[in-house]
N, C-alpha and C. Protein backbone atom coordinates (compact mmCIF):
# COMPACT_ATOMS: atom_id res chain seq x y z
N MET A 1 73.26 107.38 98.27
CA MET A 1 73.42 105.85 97.63
C MET A 1 74.38 105.34 98.29
N SER A 2 74.79 104.13 98.29
CA SER A 2 75.62 103.48 98.93
C SER A 2 76.83 103.25 97.87
N LEU A 3 78.12 103.21 98.48
CA LEU A 3 79.28 102.86 97.54
C LEU A 3 79.34 102.20 96.65
N ASN A 4 78.64 101.09 97.06
CA ASN A 4 78.16 99.95 95.70
C ASN A 4 77.52 100.60 94.66
N GLU A 5 76.30 101.14 95.04
CA GLU A 5 75.71 102.05 93.94
C GLU A 5 76.19 103.05 93.17
N LEU A 6 76.95 103.45 93.82
CA LEU A 6 77.96 104.70 93.23
C LEU A 6 78.81 103.94 92.47
N TYR A 7 79.77 102.86 92.57
CA TYR A 7 80.60 102.40 91.67
C TYR A 7 79.90 102.13 90.58
N GLY A 8 78.37 101.55 90.64
CA GLY A 8 77.73 100.86 89.58
C GLY A 8 77.50 101.95 88.63
N ILE A 9 77.29 103.25 88.67
CA ILE A 9 77.19 104.44 87.81
C ILE A 9 77.90 105.34 87.67
N LYS A 10 78.96 105.62 88.41
CA LYS A 10 79.83 106.33 87.63
C LYS A 10 81.17 106.01 86.53
N HIS A 11 81.44 107.06 85.71
CA HIS A 11 82.65 106.47 84.72
C HIS A 11 83.57 105.78 85.28
N PRO A 12 83.84 104.80 84.49
CA PRO A 12 84.80 103.67 85.08
C PRO A 12 86.19 104.48 85.06
N THR A 13 86.75 105.39 84.18
CA THR A 13 88.28 105.74 84.28
C THR A 13 88.27 107.21 84.62
N ALA A 14 87.17 108.17 85.29
CA ALA A 14 87.36 109.47 85.39
C ALA A 14 88.07 109.86 86.48
N TRP A 15 87.83 109.13 87.85
CA TRP A 15 88.65 109.39 88.69
C TRP A 15 89.85 109.47 88.34
N VAL A 16 90.45 107.94 88.05
CA VAL A 16 92.15 107.82 87.77
C VAL A 16 92.20 108.73 86.76
N GLU A 17 92.03 108.92 85.84
CA GLU A 17 92.36 110.25 84.82
C GLU A 17 92.74 111.55 85.87
N PHE A 18 91.74 111.50 86.73
CA PHE A 18 91.84 113.12 87.28
C PHE A 18 93.28 112.75 88.26
N GLU A 19 93.01 111.44 88.97
CA GLU A 19 94.23 111.21 89.68
C GLU A 19 95.35 111.28 88.73
N LYS A 20 95.63 111.25 87.72
CA LYS A 20 96.93 111.28 86.96
C LYS A 20 97.10 112.36 86.65
N GLY A 21 96.28 113.18 86.98
CA GLY A 21 96.57 114.75 85.93
C GLY A 21 95.91 114.66 84.42
N ASP A 22 95.46 113.47 84.14
CA ASP A 22 95.27 113.63 82.41
C ASP A 22 93.78 114.65 82.14
N ILE A 23 93.02 114.77 83.09
CA ILE A 23 91.90 115.81 82.96
C ILE A 23 91.99 116.52 83.84
N SER A 24 90.73 117.67 83.87
CA SER A 24 90.94 118.86 84.75
C SER A 24 89.72 118.40 85.85
N GLU A 25 89.60 119.19 86.73
CA GLU A 25 88.57 119.16 87.49
C GLU A 25 87.12 119.07 86.92
N ASP A 26 87.29 120.28 86.17
CA ASP A 26 85.87 120.68 84.83
C ASP A 26 85.37 119.10 84.47
N VAL A 27 86.67 118.28 83.28
CA VAL A 27 86.20 117.47 82.66
C VAL A 27 85.80 116.48 83.33
N LEU A 28 86.32 116.18 85.04
CA LEU A 28 85.96 114.83 85.80
C LEU A 28 84.45 115.33 86.01
N VAL A 29 84.14 116.36 86.53
CA VAL A 29 82.62 116.96 86.55
C VAL A 29 81.64 116.39 85.70
N SER A 30 82.18 116.70 84.72
CA SER A 30 81.31 116.86 83.23
C SER A 30 81.10 114.81 83.00
N LYS A 31 82.34 114.09 83.60
CA LYS A 31 81.84 112.83 82.91
C LYS A 31 82.01 112.08 84.22
N PHE A 32 81.48 112.30 85.49
CA PHE A 32 81.80 111.50 86.53
C PHE A 32 80.99 110.50 86.47
N PHE A 33 79.71 110.81 86.06
CA PHE A 33 78.60 109.51 85.98
C PHE A 33 78.36 109.42 84.72
N ARG A 34 78.30 107.45 84.31
CA ARG A 34 78.31 107.50 82.96
C ARG A 34 77.00 107.91 82.28
N ASP A 35 76.08 108.57 82.76
CA ASP A 35 74.71 108.75 82.21
C ASP A 35 74.65 110.43 81.89
N GLY A 36 76.04 110.95 82.31
CA GLY A 36 76.01 112.46 82.38
C GLY A 36 75.40 113.24 83.05
N ARG A 37 74.77 112.59 84.08
CA ARG A 37 73.86 113.42 85.45
C ARG A 37 74.75 114.41 85.92
N THR A 38 74.19 115.48 86.40
CA THR A 38 75.02 116.74 86.96
C THR A 38 74.46 116.53 88.52
N PHE A 39 75.51 116.98 89.31
CA PHE A 39 75.20 116.76 90.76
C PHE A 39 76.10 117.95 91.51
N ASP A 40 75.91 117.85 92.41
CA ASP A 40 76.68 118.89 93.39
C ASP A 40 78.26 118.55 93.75
N SER A 41 79.04 118.94 92.84
CA SER A 41 80.49 118.55 92.92
C SER A 41 81.29 119.25 93.63
N GLU A 42 80.86 120.70 94.08
CA GLU A 42 81.38 121.22 95.02
C GLU A 42 81.09 120.52 96.32
N GLY A 43 79.67 120.22 96.76
CA GLY A 43 79.62 119.71 98.16
C GLY A 43 80.09 118.34 98.10
N MET A 44 80.19 117.56 96.93
CA MET A 44 81.31 116.43 96.88
C MET A 44 82.54 116.73 97.37
N LYS A 45 83.18 117.85 96.81
CA LYS A 45 84.53 117.95 97.18
C LYS A 45 84.78 118.62 98.46
N ARG A 46 83.65 119.18 99.04
CA ARG A 46 83.69 119.90 100.13
C ARG A 46 83.66 118.70 101.29
N MET A 47 82.47 117.79 101.01
CA MET A 47 82.41 116.54 102.07
C MET A 47 83.75 115.81 102.21
N MET A 48 84.54 115.65 100.81
CA MET A 48 85.66 114.89 100.65
C MET A 48 87.16 115.42 101.84
N MET A 49 86.78 116.63 101.66
CA MET A 49 88.01 117.54 102.19
C MET A 49 87.61 117.57 103.69
N GLU A 50 86.24 117.84 104.08
CA GLU A 50 85.99 117.71 105.51
C GLU A 50 86.44 116.39 105.95
N ALA A 51 86.43 115.31 105.54
CA ALA A 51 86.85 113.93 106.03
C ALA A 51 88.27 113.93 105.88
N CYS A 52 89.27 114.67 105.37
CA CYS A 52 90.43 114.48 105.54
C CYS A 52 90.91 114.90 107.35
N ASP A 53 91.75 113.99 107.79
CA ASP A 53 92.35 114.31 108.86
C ASP A 53 93.40 113.40 109.39
N TYR A 54 94.14 114.16 110.29
CA TYR A 54 95.41 112.83 110.71
C TYR A 54 94.61 111.91 111.37
N LEU A 55 95.20 110.63 111.49
CA LEU A 55 94.69 109.70 112.06
C LEU A 55 95.00 109.84 113.64
N ASP A 56 94.30 109.28 114.45
CA ASP A 56 95.10 109.52 116.05
C ASP A 56 96.75 109.19 116.36
N GLY A 57 97.36 109.94 116.64
CA GLY A 57 98.66 109.69 116.83
C GLY A 57 99.91 110.28 115.62
N MET A 58 99.15 110.40 114.74
CA MET A 58 99.90 110.00 113.38
C MET A 58 100.80 111.75 113.04
N GLN A 59 100.12 112.75 113.95
CA GLN A 59 100.56 114.09 113.66
C GLN A 59 101.63 114.23 114.72
N HIS A 60 101.83 113.51 115.66
CA HIS A 60 102.89 113.34 116.60
C HIS A 60 103.76 112.43 116.03
N LEU A 61 103.54 111.52 115.50
CA LEU A 61 104.84 110.59 114.67
C LEU A 61 105.29 111.28 113.85
N LEU A 62 104.78 112.35 112.90
CA LEU A 62 105.29 113.01 111.98
C LEU A 62 105.99 114.23 112.38
N ARG A 63 105.38 114.52 113.57
CA ARG A 63 106.52 115.30 114.10
C ARG A 63 107.74 114.75 114.52
N GLU A 64 107.63 114.05 115.24
CA GLU A 64 109.12 112.84 115.75
C GLU A 64 109.94 112.56 114.50
N LEU A 65 109.38 112.62 114.04
CA LEU A 65 110.18 112.01 112.49
C LEU A 65 110.75 113.24 112.20
N SER A 66 110.12 114.12 112.17
CA SER A 66 110.51 115.41 111.42
C SER A 66 111.41 116.19 112.13
N GLU A 67 111.41 115.91 113.59
CA GLU A 67 112.51 116.46 114.68
C GLU A 67 113.66 115.78 114.59
N LYS A 68 113.54 114.38 114.16
CA LYS A 68 115.10 113.89 113.81
C LYS A 68 115.59 113.85 112.59
N SER A 69 115.35 114.95 111.72
CA SER A 69 115.63 114.91 110.45
C SER A 69 115.53 113.74 109.72
N ILE A 70 114.61 113.20 109.78
CA ILE A 70 114.28 111.94 108.70
C ILE A 70 113.79 112.30 107.42
N GLU A 71 114.08 112.27 106.12
CA GLU A 71 113.42 112.63 105.03
C GLU A 71 112.38 112.28 105.01
N MET A 72 111.11 112.92 104.42
CA MET A 72 110.13 112.21 104.34
C MET A 72 109.50 113.08 102.99
N HIS A 73 108.60 111.93 101.95
CA HIS A 73 107.99 112.89 100.90
C HIS A 73 106.83 112.07 100.67
N ALA A 74 105.77 113.04 100.58
CA ALA A 74 104.48 112.25 100.00
C ALA A 74 104.68 111.84 98.83
N MET A 75 104.29 110.46 98.73
CA MET A 75 103.85 109.71 97.33
C MET A 75 102.37 109.48 97.37
N SER A 76 101.41 109.88 96.54
CA SER A 76 99.97 109.57 96.48
C SER A 76 99.28 109.56 95.29
N ASN A 77 98.55 108.62 95.21
CA ASN A 77 97.27 108.70 93.74
C ASN A 77 96.51 109.95 93.77
N TYR A 78 96.41 110.76 94.78
CA TYR A 78 95.39 111.77 94.84
C TYR A 78 95.82 112.62 94.18
N PRO A 79 94.53 113.44 93.28
CA PRO A 79 94.37 114.45 92.59
C PRO A 79 95.14 115.95 93.04
N VAL A 80 94.95 116.89 92.11
CA VAL A 80 95.41 118.19 92.57
C VAL A 80 95.00 118.55 93.87
N TRP A 81 93.56 117.96 94.42
CA TRP A 81 93.02 118.44 95.47
C TRP A 81 93.94 118.22 96.95
N TYR A 82 94.94 117.68 96.53
CA TYR A 82 95.85 117.35 97.74
C TYR A 82 96.86 118.65 98.42
N GLN A 83 96.43 119.89 97.53
CA GLN A 83 96.66 120.68 97.87
C GLN A 83 95.58 121.64 98.88
N ASP A 84 94.68 121.23 98.54
CA ASP A 84 93.29 121.77 99.70
C ASP A 84 93.54 120.65 100.87
N ILE A 85 94.10 119.51 100.78
CA ILE A 85 94.41 119.02 101.81
C ILE A 85 95.34 119.47 102.60
N ASN A 86 96.78 120.08 102.11
CA ASN A 86 97.53 120.58 102.90
C ASN A 86 97.17 121.68 103.09
N ASN A 87 96.46 122.18 102.63
CA ASN A 87 96.40 124.15 103.40
C ASN A 87 95.54 123.93 104.90
N LYS A 88 94.39 122.80 104.74
CA LYS A 88 93.86 122.25 105.63
C LYS A 88 94.93 121.83 106.84
N LEU A 89 95.48 120.86 106.76
CA LEU A 89 96.35 120.06 107.86
C LEU A 89 97.56 120.31 107.75
N GLN A 90 98.28 121.09 107.01
CA GLN A 90 99.70 121.60 106.83
C GLN A 90 100.52 120.60 106.84
N ILE A 91 100.27 119.52 106.25
CA ILE A 91 101.34 118.49 106.54
C ILE A 91 102.43 118.84 105.50
N ASP A 92 102.82 119.49 104.90
CA ASP A 92 104.13 120.03 104.18
C ASP A 92 105.03 120.70 105.67
N ARG A 93 104.64 120.71 106.74
CA ARG A 93 105.88 121.49 107.53
C ARG A 93 106.83 119.88 108.03
N TYR A 94 106.13 118.65 107.57
CA TYR A 94 106.93 117.94 108.16
C TYR A 94 108.08 117.14 106.83
N LEU A 95 107.50 117.34 105.73
CA LEU A 95 107.61 117.12 104.67
C LEU A 95 109.02 117.78 104.05
N GLN A 96 109.67 116.82 103.09
CA GLN A 96 110.88 117.80 102.04
C GLN A 96 109.95 118.03 101.32
N GLY A 97 108.71 117.50 100.79
CA GLY A 97 107.85 117.65 99.63
C GLY A 97 106.57 116.77 99.49
N TRP A 98 105.84 117.34 98.66
CA TRP A 98 104.67 116.36 97.97
C TRP A 98 105.33 116.10 96.49
N THR A 99 106.34 115.47 97.06
CA THR A 99 107.19 115.02 95.91
C THR A 99 106.65 113.90 94.73
N PHE A 100 106.06 113.04 95.15
CA PHE A 100 105.75 111.73 94.32
C PHE A 100 104.19 111.88 94.06
N MET A 101 103.53 112.88 92.88
CA MET A 101 101.91 112.99 92.87
C MET A 101 101.61 112.37 91.84
N SER A 102 100.83 111.38 91.98
CA SER A 102 100.35 110.85 90.33
C SER A 102 99.59 112.10 89.15
N CYS A 103 99.31 113.26 89.88
CA CYS A 103 99.19 114.32 88.92
C CYS A 103 99.78 115.12 88.70
N GLU A 104 101.12 115.06 89.15
CA GLU A 104 102.16 116.07 88.73
C GLU A 104 103.30 115.73 89.12
N GLY A 105 104.51 116.47 88.88
CA GLY A 105 106.32 115.96 89.11
C GLY A 105 106.65 114.69 88.49
N PRO A 106 107.70 114.28 89.19
CA PRO A 106 108.43 113.28 88.54
C PRO A 106 107.64 111.97 88.56
N MET A 107 106.21 111.84 89.26
CA MET A 107 105.46 110.57 89.12
C MET A 107 104.31 110.83 88.41
N LYS A 108 104.38 111.71 87.73
CA LYS A 108 102.78 112.05 86.95
C LYS A 108 102.64 111.18 85.86
N GLY A 109 101.11 110.67 86.19
CA GLY A 109 100.71 109.78 85.20
C GLY A 109 100.81 108.27 85.63
N LEU A 110 101.61 108.00 86.84
CA LEU A 110 101.54 106.65 87.16
C LEU A 110 100.86 107.01 88.31
N ARG A 111 100.83 105.58 88.82
CA ARG A 111 99.79 105.30 90.29
C ARG A 111 100.55 104.15 90.90
N LYS A 112 100.70 104.21 92.25
CA LYS A 112 100.86 102.74 92.86
C LYS A 112 99.63 102.21 92.56
N PRO A 113 100.19 100.78 92.75
CA PRO A 113 101.07 100.16 93.19
C PRO A 113 102.08 99.48 91.96
N ASP A 114 102.08 100.54 90.70
CA ASP A 114 102.92 100.36 89.68
C ASP A 114 104.14 100.41 89.96
N PRO A 115 104.92 99.33 89.58
CA PRO A 115 106.39 99.31 90.16
C PRO A 115 107.27 100.45 89.64
N LYS A 116 106.61 101.17 88.30
CA LYS A 116 107.62 102.26 88.07
C LYS A 116 107.86 103.49 89.25
N CYS A 117 106.53 103.30 89.95
CA CYS A 117 106.80 104.51 90.65
C CYS A 117 107.96 104.67 91.73
N TRP A 118 108.48 103.18 92.29
CA TRP A 118 109.85 103.04 93.30
C TRP A 118 110.72 103.21 92.07
N GLU A 119 110.59 103.11 90.87
CA GLU A 119 111.82 103.34 89.96
C GLU A 119 112.15 104.76 90.03
N VAL A 120 111.01 105.39 89.79
CA VAL A 120 110.94 106.75 89.81
C VAL A 120 111.43 107.70 91.31
N ALA A 121 111.00 106.86 92.14
CA ALA A 121 111.61 107.51 93.61
C ALA A 121 113.01 106.96 94.01
N GLN A 122 113.44 106.23 93.63
CA GLN A 122 115.11 105.81 93.81
C GLN A 122 115.66 106.59 93.07
N GLU A 123 115.40 107.07 91.62
CA GLU A 123 116.32 107.86 90.77
C GLU A 123 115.96 109.49 91.37
N TYR A 124 114.88 109.69 91.41
CA TYR A 124 114.45 111.38 92.00
C TYR A 124 115.61 111.20 93.35
N LEU A 125 115.44 110.29 94.19
CA LEU A 125 115.92 110.69 95.49
C LEU A 125 117.44 110.07 95.52
N GLY A 126 118.14 109.61 94.21
CA GLY A 126 119.18 108.81 94.53
C GLY A 126 119.49 107.67 95.30
N ALA A 127 118.82 107.05 95.45
CA ALA A 127 119.12 106.03 96.54
C ALA A 127 118.69 104.61 96.46
N GLU A 128 119.06 103.64 96.97
CA GLU A 128 118.89 102.54 96.75
C GLU A 128 117.52 101.86 97.30
N ALA A 129 116.87 100.87 96.66
CA ALA A 129 115.64 100.59 96.94
C ALA A 129 115.55 100.02 98.60
N SER A 130 116.60 99.48 99.15
CA SER A 130 116.66 99.11 100.55
C SER A 130 116.85 100.21 101.24
N GLN A 131 117.25 101.61 100.55
CA GLN A 131 117.28 102.68 101.63
C GLN A 131 115.90 103.37 101.61
N LEU A 132 115.06 102.73 101.23
CA LEU A 132 113.85 103.44 101.37
C LEU A 132 112.78 103.20 101.78
N VAL A 133 111.59 103.63 102.57
CA VAL A 133 110.41 102.97 103.36
C VAL A 133 109.36 103.66 102.95
N LEU A 134 108.48 102.64 102.63
CA LEU A 134 106.96 103.08 101.94
C LEU A 134 106.15 102.71 102.98
N ILE A 135 105.37 104.18 103.69
CA ILE A 135 104.10 103.83 104.63
C ILE A 135 102.74 104.10 103.90
N ASP A 136 102.25 103.21 103.95
CA ASP A 136 100.94 103.05 103.00
C ASP A 136 100.00 102.69 103.99
N ASP A 137 98.74 102.92 103.56
CA ASP A 137 97.37 102.31 104.48
C ASP A 137 96.77 101.34 103.30
N ARG A 138 97.29 101.00 102.18
CA ARG A 138 97.07 99.67 101.17
C ARG A 138 98.35 98.60 101.19
N GLN A 139 97.67 97.19 101.36
CA GLN A 139 98.14 96.07 101.36
C GLN A 139 99.07 96.10 100.21
N GLU A 140 98.43 96.23 98.87
CA GLU A 140 99.00 96.14 97.65
C GLU A 140 99.96 96.84 97.24
N ASN A 141 99.83 98.32 97.53
CA ASN A 141 100.99 98.99 97.62
C ASN A 141 102.43 98.70 98.09
N CYS A 142 101.98 98.10 99.30
CA CYS A 142 103.20 97.43 100.36
C CYS A 142 104.11 96.54 99.76
N GLU A 143 103.10 95.63 99.22
CA GLU A 143 103.42 94.33 98.36
C GLU A 143 104.35 94.55 97.46
N SER A 144 103.99 95.67 96.28
CA SER A 144 104.55 96.14 95.49
C SER A 144 105.89 96.54 95.59
N ALA A 145 106.00 97.90 96.60
CA ALA A 145 107.30 98.36 97.00
C ALA A 145 108.08 97.12 97.35
N ARG A 146 107.43 96.07 98.39
CA ARG A 146 108.79 95.18 98.77
C ARG A 146 109.03 94.38 97.65
N LYS A 147 108.47 94.25 96.54
CA LYS A 147 108.61 93.13 95.49
C LYS A 147 109.93 94.10 94.38
N ALA A 148 110.08 95.60 94.67
CA ALA A 148 110.65 96.24 94.22
C ALA A 148 111.97 96.55 95.21
N GLY A 149 112.23 95.86 96.33
CA GLY A 149 113.18 96.09 97.46
C GLY A 149 113.12 96.87 98.23
N LEU A 150 112.26 97.73 98.27
CA LEU A 150 111.91 98.63 99.53
C LEU A 150 111.24 98.06 100.87
N HIS A 151 111.56 98.91 102.08
CA HIS A 151 110.82 98.38 103.07
C HIS A 151 109.32 98.88 102.70
N ALA A 152 108.10 98.24 103.52
CA ALA A 152 107.33 98.86 103.45
C ALA A 152 106.38 98.43 104.43
N ILE A 153 105.75 99.28 105.07
CA ILE A 153 105.01 99.22 106.38
C ILE A 153 103.30 99.49 105.96
N HIS A 154 102.78 98.50 106.15
CA HIS A 154 101.28 98.91 106.01
C HIS A 154 100.59 99.18 107.12
N SER A 155 100.07 100.69 107.05
CA SER A 155 99.81 101.53 108.25
C SER A 155 98.75 101.44 108.50
N ARG A 156 98.06 100.81 109.61
CA ARG A 156 96.83 100.98 109.95
C ARG A 156 96.63 102.35 111.29
N ASP A 157 97.55 102.61 112.03
CA ASP A 157 97.59 103.26 112.94
C ASP A 157 98.69 103.55 113.26
N ALA A 158 99.11 104.73 114.52
CA ALA A 158 100.18 105.69 114.26
C ALA A 158 101.57 104.49 115.16
N ASN A 159 100.47 103.79 116.47
CA ASN A 159 101.46 103.00 117.07
C ASN A 159 102.26 101.89 116.22
N SER A 160 101.41 101.42 115.80
CA SER A 160 101.96 100.41 115.20
C SER A 160 102.78 100.46 114.07
N THR A 161 102.75 101.65 113.14
CA THR A 161 103.74 102.58 112.29
C THR A 161 105.15 102.52 112.92
N ARG A 162 104.60 103.13 114.08
CA ARG A 162 105.81 103.33 114.71
C ARG A 162 106.76 102.31 115.65
N SER A 163 106.31 101.36 115.71
CA SER A 163 106.83 100.03 116.13
C SER A 163 107.44 99.46 115.18
N GLN A 164 106.95 99.55 113.44
CA GLN A 164 107.75 98.70 112.81
C GLN A 164 109.03 99.94 112.27
N LEU A 165 108.90 101.24 112.62
CA LEU A 165 109.97 102.12 112.12
C LEU A 165 111.10 102.06 113.06
N VAL A 166 110.41 101.55 114.43
CA VAL A 166 111.56 101.01 115.40
C VAL A 166 112.48 99.73 114.91
N GLU A 167 111.44 98.96 114.53
CA GLU A 167 111.94 97.43 114.01
C GLU A 167 113.11 98.00 113.04
N LEU A 168 112.48 98.65 111.79
CA LEU A 168 113.82 99.21 110.70
C LEU A 168 114.80 100.09 111.15
N SER A 169 115.27 100.24 112.39
CA SER A 169 115.84 101.08 113.02
C SER A 169 115.79 102.67 112.29
N VAL A 170 114.61 102.72 112.07
CA VAL A 170 114.31 104.54 111.82
C VAL A 170 114.44 104.95 112.90
N LEU A 171 113.65 104.55 113.68
CA LEU A 171 113.67 105.51 115.25
C LEU A 171 113.86 104.43 116.18
N LYS A 172 114.28 104.78 117.57
CA LYS A 172 114.50 104.48 118.30
C LYS A 172 113.54 104.13 119.67
N GLU A 173 113.76 102.88 120.35
CA GLU A 173 112.28 102.81 121.04
C GLU A 173 112.46 103.48 122.52
N VAL A 174 111.07 104.22 122.90
CA VAL A 174 111.30 105.30 123.77
C VAL A 174 111.20 104.43 125.29
């Protein structure tokens, strides 16, 4: 089925509840479709995990930032499946942590672009908004972060992300 067809028949809040850690994976599966139909939930999860990969050049950029001892934390609306993504891609080797997850930790129950996410990050890191840079693939999250005083980079690819980090003096030009 098409994505639009899926949106028309899935439960309107189940995925968000799962992302926020309000329901378990089993409950997600039981209410994923409004009409209660069963489906290959393991196949769906496997397909989603197989689709997860680094964008071209992004692993190199993460390595460069890490080697320059730039503190990085993950902030994501993703559910507990982020652990499976990490097992596959080993993203944590570049991060100080998967610190700000909608499903657990200091951001549990919050989802970007909620302004409270930025407040939690500032408080947890003991930083002013102007000291933080959000790199995100969603423009609405970047706009929300900017309104709160953070720097934000709408990331579409590694090269433009790196260029914007240079503009912010996070990295130097090579």
